[in-house]
Protein backbone atom coordinates (compact mmCIF):
# COMPACT_ATOMS: atom_id res chain seq x y z
CA MET A 1 0.03 -0.09 0.07
CA ILE A 2 2.72 2.66 1.13
CA VAL A 3 4.70 1.21 -2.05
CA ARG A 4 1.79 2.06 -4.25
CA ARG A 5 1.32 5.61 -3.12
CA ASP A 6 5.07 6.24 -3.59
CA GLN A 7 4.84 4.68 -7.33
CA LYS A 8 1.64 7.37 -7.39
CA MET A 9 3.72 9.86 -6.27
CA THR A 10 6.94 10.10 -8.28
CA ARG A 11 4.60 9.53 -11.57
CA LEU A 12 2.48 12.44 -10.28
CA LYS A 13 6.27 14.52 -10.00
CA LEU A 14 7.25 12.73 -13.41
CA TRP A 15 4.23 13.94 -15.32
CA THR A 16 4.10 17.73 -13.20
CA PHE A 17 7.90 18.16 -14.22
CA THR A 18 7.31 16.94 -18.06
CA SER A 19 4.22 18.85 -18.31
CA ILE A 20 5.60 22.14 -16.74
CA GLY A 21 9.35 22.07 -18.43
CA LEU A 22 7.10 21.46 -22.05
CA ILE A 23 5.05 24.49 -20.84
CA SER A 24 7.90 26.63 -20.64
CA LEU A 25 9.44 25.22 -23.51
CA ALA A 26 6.61 26.07 -25.79
CA GLY A 27 6.36 29.36 -24.47
CA LEU A 28 9.82 30.36 -25.10
CA VAL A 29 9.35 30.57 -28.29
CA PRO A 30 6.99 33.71 -28.56
CA ALA A 31 8.87 35.21 -25.78
CA LEU A 32 11.90 35.25 -27.59
CA LYS A 33 10.11 36.78 -30.05
CA VAL A 34 9.04 39.87 -28.19
CA LEU A 35 12.04 40.33 -26.92
CA SER A 36 13.77 40.43 -30.52
CA ASN A 37 10.77 42.64 -31.50
CA ASP A 38 11.85 45.02 -28.75
CA LEU A 39 14.97 44.93 -28.59
CA ALA A 40 14.75 46.15 -32.41
CA GLN A 41 12.69 48.73 -31.77
CA SER A 42 13.98 50.36 -28.69
CA GLY A 43 17.51 51.09 -30.33
CA PHE A 44 19.62 49.01 -28.14
CA SER A 45 21.38 47.87 -31.30
CA GLU A 46 22.56 51.04 -32.16
CA TYR A 47 23.67 52.03 -29.36
CA PHE A 48 25.89 48.74 -28.50
CA SER A 49 27.72 49.25 -31.97
CA LEU A 50 28.94 52.60 -30.73
CA ILE A 51 31.21 50.61 -28.34
CA PHE A 52 32.88 49.49 -31.29
CA SER A 53 33.01 52.53 -33.34
CA ASP A 54 35.30 54.85 -32.09
CA SER A 55 37.51 53.98 -29.02
CA GLY A 56 38.10 58.16 -28.00
CA LEU A 57 34.71 58.98 -28.26
CA ILE A 58 33.28 55.98 -25.84
CA LEU A 59 36.40 57.12 -23.55
CA SER A 60 34.84 60.64 -23.36
CA TYR A 61 31.06 59.99 -22.99
CA TRP A 62 31.32 56.65 -21.25
CA LYS A 63 28.31 57.13 -19.03
CA GLU A 64 26.04 58.56 -21.44
CA LEU A 65 26.47 55.43 -22.93
CA ILE A 66 26.30 53.61 -20.51
CA PHE A 67 23.08 55.11 -19.31
CA SER A 68 21.45 55.31 -23.13
CA LEU A 69 22.14 51.11 -23.35
CA ALA A 70 20.37 50.72 -19.93
CA GLU A 71 17.76 52.95 -20.86
CA SER A 72 16.96 51.07 -24.03
CA LEU A 73 16.27 47.41 -22.32
CA PRO A 74 13.28 45.87 -22.55
CA VAL A 75 13.57 45.05 -19.27
CA MET A 76 10.34 43.24 -18.91
CA SER A 77 10.66 41.34 -22.12
CA MET A 78 13.69 40.27 -20.74
CA ILE A 79 12.51 39.16 -17.15
CA PHE A 80 9.65 37.31 -18.87
CA THR A 81 11.62 35.62 -21.13
CA LEU A 82 14.54 34.53 -18.63
CA SER A 83 11.81 33.51 -15.92
CA LEU A 84 10.71 30.92 -18.32
CA LEU A 85 14.28 29.89 -18.78
CA PHE A 86 14.45 29.88 -15.56
CA ILE A 87 11.33 27.44 -14.81
CA CYS A 88 12.33 25.32 -17.98
CA PHE A 89 15.54 24.45 -16.77
CA LEU A 90 14.24 24.27 -12.54
CA SER A 91 11.68 21.63 -14.29
CA LEU A 92 14.66 19.96 -16.62
CA LYS A 93 16.87 19.33 -12.97
CA HIS A 94 13.84 18.16 -11.15
CA LEU A 95 12.78 15.49 -13.75
CA MET A 96 16.35 14.32 -14.24
CA LYS A 97 16.49 13.95 -10.45
CA GLN A 98 13.86 11.88 -10.59
CA ILE A 99 15.23 9.73 -13.55
CA ILE A 100 18.58 9.64 -11.67
CA ARG A 101 17.51 8.21 -8.07
CA ASN A 102 15.31 5.47 -10.06
CA GLN A 103 12.17 6.09 -8.58
CA LEU A 104 10.48 5.17 -11.74
CA ALA A 105 9.01 2.09 -11.00
CA PHE A 106 6.83 1.23 -13.99
């Protein structure tokens, strides 16, 4: 009875971690698309390319460049994308832990 309950719990954990991982992985595709659109619209790449253009100019105006880079970052899109990526890796970690422990008794 206890063994059957433990088997049921391990199966539940396995399917829970698998479904959470797949949902977060599927959510990464539109999140990355939104992040790339936001980065293109914000002008971050133009500010970032200034770093490689003229070193003398950058040494003079490095504070303004850093502030412009920080201001043009799409923070909400980055937070959303990174949180989905974190959830995906966390569920993968717990899923691998379940498999490595040999708790899958089918």
